[in-house]
């Protein structure tokens, strides 16, 4: 389960549809625009990303680092783990 303060950052990036670079705990790096949070079929909370016209679901508990790739006043980089 994600801590409340970290969940707030996820909500902010979705609200403003920020472009992101996500680093997962596995080391995989994903790029895309934050759209929304939703639950997958396994009832895991996910971040919905859009990249090149395709949607990708990322389980929030798998995110190690979130980086906003556009200048903004709200946040730049957040470490989850």
N, C-alpha and C. Protein backbone atom coordinates (compact mmCIF):
# COMPACT_ATOMS: atom_id res chain seq x y z
N UNK A 1 0.84 -1.18 0.00
CA UNK A 1 0.00 0.00 0.00
C UNK A 1 0.88 1.24 0.00
N UNK A 2 0.52 2.19 -0.81
CA UNK A 2 1.27 3.42 -0.97
C UNK A 2 0.95 4.39 0.16
N UNK A 3 1.97 5.07 0.68
CA UNK A 3 1.76 6.06 1.73
C UNK A 3 0.97 7.23 1.18
N UNK A 4 0.22 7.89 2.05
CA UNK A 4 -0.65 9.00 1.64
C UNK A 4 0.10 10.12 0.95
N UNK A 5 1.26 10.51 1.48
CA UNK A 5 1.98 11.62 0.88
C UNK A 5 2.45 11.28 -0.53
N UNK A 6 2.83 10.03 -0.77
CA UNK A 6 3.24 9.62 -2.10
C UNK A 6 2.04 9.54 -3.04
N UNK A 7 0.92 9.12 -2.51
CA UNK A 7 -0.30 9.07 -3.32
C UNK A 7 -0.70 10.47 -3.77
N UNK A 8 -0.47 11.47 -2.94
CA UNK A 8 -0.76 12.86 -3.31
C UNK A 8 0.02 13.28 -4.54
N UNK A 9 1.29 12.87 -4.63
CA UNK A 9 2.10 13.19 -5.81
C UNK A 9 1.52 12.55 -7.07
N UNK A 10 1.05 11.34 -6.94
CA UNK A 10 0.44 10.65 -8.09
C UNK A 10 -0.81 11.40 -8.53
N UNK A 11 -1.61 11.86 -7.59
CA UNK A 11 -2.81 12.62 -7.93
C UNK A 11 -2.47 13.93 -8.63
N UNK A 12 -1.40 14.59 -8.19
CA UNK A 12 -0.99 15.86 -8.82
C UNK A 12 -0.58 15.64 -10.27
N UNK A 13 0.23 14.60 -10.52
CA UNK A 13 0.69 14.38 -11.91
C UNK A 13 -0.48 14.00 -12.81
N UNK A 14 -1.49 13.33 -12.25
CA UNK A 14 -2.68 12.99 -13.04
C UNK A 14 -3.53 14.24 -13.30
N UNK A 15 -3.68 15.06 -12.29
CA UNK A 15 -4.48 16.27 -12.42
C UNK A 15 -3.97 17.17 -13.54
N UNK A 16 -2.65 17.31 -13.63
CA UNK A 16 -2.04 18.20 -14.62
C UNK A 16 -1.56 17.46 -15.88
N UNK A 17 -1.79 16.16 -15.94
CA UNK A 17 -1.37 15.34 -17.10
C UNK A 17 0.09 15.58 -17.45
N UNK A 18 0.93 15.49 -16.43
CA UNK A 18 2.36 15.72 -16.63
C UNK A 18 3.01 14.57 -17.40
N UNK A 19 3.99 14.89 -18.25
CA UNK A 19 4.80 13.84 -18.86
C UNK A 19 5.76 13.30 -17.80
N UNK A 20 5.91 11.97 -17.76
CA UNK A 20 6.68 11.34 -16.70
C UNK A 20 7.74 10.40 -17.23
N UNK A 21 8.75 10.19 -16.40
CA UNK A 21 9.70 9.11 -16.55
C UNK A 21 9.60 8.33 -15.24
N UNK A 22 9.14 7.09 -15.34
CA UNK A 22 8.99 6.25 -14.16
C UNK A 22 10.09 5.20 -14.14
N UNK A 23 10.71 5.02 -13.00
CA UNK A 23 11.65 3.93 -12.80
C UNK A 23 10.97 2.94 -11.87
N UNK A 24 10.85 1.71 -12.32
CA UNK A 24 10.21 0.68 -11.52
C UNK A 24 11.22 0.00 -10.61
N UNK A 25 10.74 -0.70 -9.62
CA UNK A 25 11.62 -1.42 -8.69
C UNK A 25 12.48 -2.44 -9.43
N UNK A 26 12.00 -2.94 -10.55
CA UNK A 26 12.76 -3.91 -11.36
C UNK A 26 13.88 -3.26 -12.14
N UNK A 27 13.92 -1.92 -12.20
CA UNK A 27 14.91 -1.20 -12.98
C UNK A 27 14.39 -0.75 -14.33
N UNK A 28 13.23 -1.25 -14.73
CA UNK A 28 12.63 -0.86 -16.00
C UNK A 28 12.25 0.62 -15.95
N UNK A 29 12.45 1.32 -17.07
CA UNK A 29 12.12 2.74 -17.17
C UNK A 29 10.99 2.90 -18.18
N UNK A 30 9.96 3.64 -17.78
CA UNK A 30 8.80 3.88 -18.62
C UNK A 30 8.60 5.38 -18.81
N UNK A 31 8.14 5.76 -19.99
CA UNK A 31 7.84 7.17 -20.28
C UNK A 31 6.40 7.27 -20.72
N UNK A 32 5.73 8.36 -20.35
CA UNK A 32 4.37 8.57 -20.77
C UNK A 32 3.75 9.75 -20.05
N UNK A 33 2.51 10.02 -20.39
CA UNK A 33 1.75 11.10 -19.78
C UNK A 33 0.77 10.51 -18.77
N UNK A 34 0.79 11.06 -17.57
CA UNK A 34 -0.11 10.58 -16.51
C UNK A 34 -1.54 10.96 -16.85
N UNK A 35 -2.44 9.98 -16.81
CA UNK A 35 -3.84 10.23 -17.11
C UNK A 35 -4.75 10.11 -15.90
N UNK A 36 -4.60 9.00 -15.15
CA UNK A 36 -5.55 8.73 -14.08
C UNK A 36 -5.03 7.59 -13.21
N UNK A 37 -5.69 7.34 -12.10
CA UNK A 37 -5.43 6.15 -11.30
C UNK A 37 -6.66 5.26 -11.38
N UNK A 38 -6.41 3.97 -11.44
CA UNK A 38 -7.50 2.99 -11.53
C UNK A 38 -7.04 1.69 -10.89
N UNK A 39 -7.97 0.81 -10.69
CA UNK A 39 -7.65 -0.53 -10.19
C UNK A 39 -7.66 -1.51 -11.35
N UNK A 40 -6.68 -2.40 -11.37
CA UNK A 40 -6.65 -3.44 -12.40
C UNK A 40 -7.53 -4.61 -11.96
N UNK A 41 -7.56 -5.67 -12.76
CA UNK A 41 -8.40 -6.83 -12.46
C UNK A 41 -8.00 -7.53 -11.17
N UNK A 42 -6.73 -7.38 -10.77
CA UNK A 42 -6.23 -7.98 -9.53
C UNK A 42 -6.46 -7.06 -8.33
N UNK A 43 -7.21 -5.95 -8.55
CA UNK A 43 -7.51 -4.97 -7.50
C UNK A 43 -6.27 -4.27 -6.96
N UNK A 44 -5.27 -4.08 -7.82
CA UNK A 44 -4.09 -3.30 -7.47
C UNK A 44 -4.28 -1.89 -8.02
N UNK A 45 -3.93 -0.90 -7.22
CA UNK A 45 -4.07 0.48 -7.70
C UNK A 45 -2.97 0.77 -8.70
N UNK A 46 -3.35 1.35 -9.83
CA UNK A 46 -2.43 1.58 -10.94
C UNK A 46 -2.47 3.03 -11.40
N UNK A 47 -1.37 3.45 -12.01
CA UNK A 47 -1.29 4.72 -12.70
C UNK A 47 -1.48 4.42 -14.18
N UNK A 48 -2.40 5.12 -14.80
CA UNK A 48 -2.65 4.94 -16.22
C UNK A 48 -1.81 5.95 -16.99
N UNK A 49 -0.90 5.44 -17.83
CA UNK A 49 -0.03 6.27 -18.65
C UNK A 49 -0.45 6.18 -20.10
N UNK A 50 -0.24 7.26 -20.84
CA UNK A 50 -0.44 7.25 -22.29
C UNK A 50 0.90 7.54 -22.94
N UNK A 51 1.26 6.68 -23.91
CA UNK A 51 2.51 6.88 -24.65
C UNK A 51 2.29 6.43 -26.08
N UNK A 52 2.53 7.34 -27.02
CA UNK A 52 2.40 7.06 -28.45
C UNK A 52 1.02 6.50 -28.79
N UNK A 53 -0.01 7.05 -28.18
CA UNK A 53 -1.37 6.64 -28.49
C UNK A 53 -1.85 5.37 -27.79
N UNK A 54 -1.00 4.75 -27.01
CA UNK A 54 -1.37 3.53 -26.30
C UNK A 54 -1.41 3.80 -24.78
N UNK A 55 -2.30 3.10 -24.10
CA UNK A 55 -2.40 3.22 -22.65
C UNK A 55 -1.65 2.08 -21.99
N UNK A 56 -1.00 2.40 -20.86
CA UNK A 56 -0.26 1.39 -20.11
C UNK A 56 -0.61 1.56 -18.63
N UNK A 57 -0.86 0.43 -17.97
CA UNK A 57 -1.17 0.42 -16.55
C UNK A 57 0.10 0.09 -15.78
N UNK A 58 0.40 0.90 -14.77
CA UNK A 58 1.59 0.68 -13.94
C UNK A 58 1.12 0.55 -12.49
N UNK A 59 1.40 -0.56 -11.87
CA UNK A 59 1.02 -0.78 -10.47
C UNK A 59 1.80 0.20 -9.59
N UNK A 60 1.10 0.96 -8.77
CA UNK A 60 1.75 1.98 -7.95
C UNK A 60 2.83 1.40 -7.04
N UNK A 61 2.59 0.21 -6.50
CA UNK A 61 3.57 -0.40 -5.60
C UNK A 61 4.86 -0.80 -6.32
N UNK A 62 4.85 -0.84 -7.66
CA UNK A 62 6.04 -1.19 -8.43
C UNK A 62 6.92 0.01 -8.75
N UNK A 63 6.44 1.23 -8.49
CA UNK A 63 7.19 2.43 -8.84
C UNK A 63 8.24 2.72 -7.78
N UNK A 64 9.49 2.88 -8.22
CA UNK A 64 10.58 3.24 -7.32
C UNK A 64 10.83 4.75 -7.36
N UNK A 65 10.68 5.35 -8.55
CA UNK A 65 10.93 6.78 -8.70
C UNK A 65 10.03 7.35 -9.78
N UNK A 66 9.52 8.53 -9.54
CA UNK A 66 8.68 9.26 -10.48
C UNK A 66 9.37 10.57 -10.78
N UNK A 67 9.55 10.88 -12.05
CA UNK A 67 10.18 12.15 -12.44
C UNK A 67 9.31 12.83 -13.48
N UNK A 68 8.97 14.09 -13.22
CA UNK A 68 8.23 14.89 -14.18
C UNK A 68 9.24 15.45 -15.17
N UNK A 69 8.99 15.26 -16.46
CA UNK A 69 9.97 15.63 -17.48
C UNK A 69 9.70 17.00 -18.10
N UNK A 70 8.77 17.75 -17.57
CA UNK A 70 8.49 19.11 -18.02
C UNK A 70 8.66 20.05 -16.82
N UNK A 71 9.17 21.26 -17.05
CA UNK A 71 9.29 22.20 -15.94
C UNK A 71 7.92 22.50 -15.33
N UNK A 72 7.85 22.50 -14.01
CA UNK A 72 6.59 22.80 -13.34
C UNK A 72 6.86 23.26 -11.92
N UNK A 73 5.93 23.97 -11.32
CA UNK A 73 6.14 24.49 -9.96
C UNK A 73 5.77 23.51 -8.86
N UNK A 74 5.19 22.37 -9.19
CA UNK A 74 4.66 21.47 -8.16
C UNK A 74 5.66 20.43 -7.68
N UNK A 75 6.31 19.75 -8.60
CA UNK A 75 7.28 18.73 -8.21
C UNK A 75 8.15 18.37 -9.40
N UNK A 76 9.30 17.80 -9.11
CA UNK A 76 10.21 17.39 -10.17
C UNK A 76 10.49 15.90 -10.08
N UNK A 77 10.89 15.44 -8.88
CA UNK A 77 11.26 14.04 -8.72
C UNK A 77 10.86 13.55 -7.34
N UNK A 78 10.30 12.33 -7.31
CA UNK A 78 9.88 11.73 -6.03
C UNK A 78 10.37 10.30 -6.00
N UNK A 79 11.05 9.92 -4.92
CA UNK A 79 11.48 8.54 -4.73
C UNK A 79 10.44 7.81 -3.88
N UNK A 80 9.96 6.72 -4.40
CA UNK A 80 8.96 5.93 -3.70
C UNK A 80 9.59 4.87 -2.82
N UNK A 81 10.75 4.37 -3.23
CA UNK A 81 11.43 3.30 -2.47
C UNK A 81 12.87 3.65 -2.25
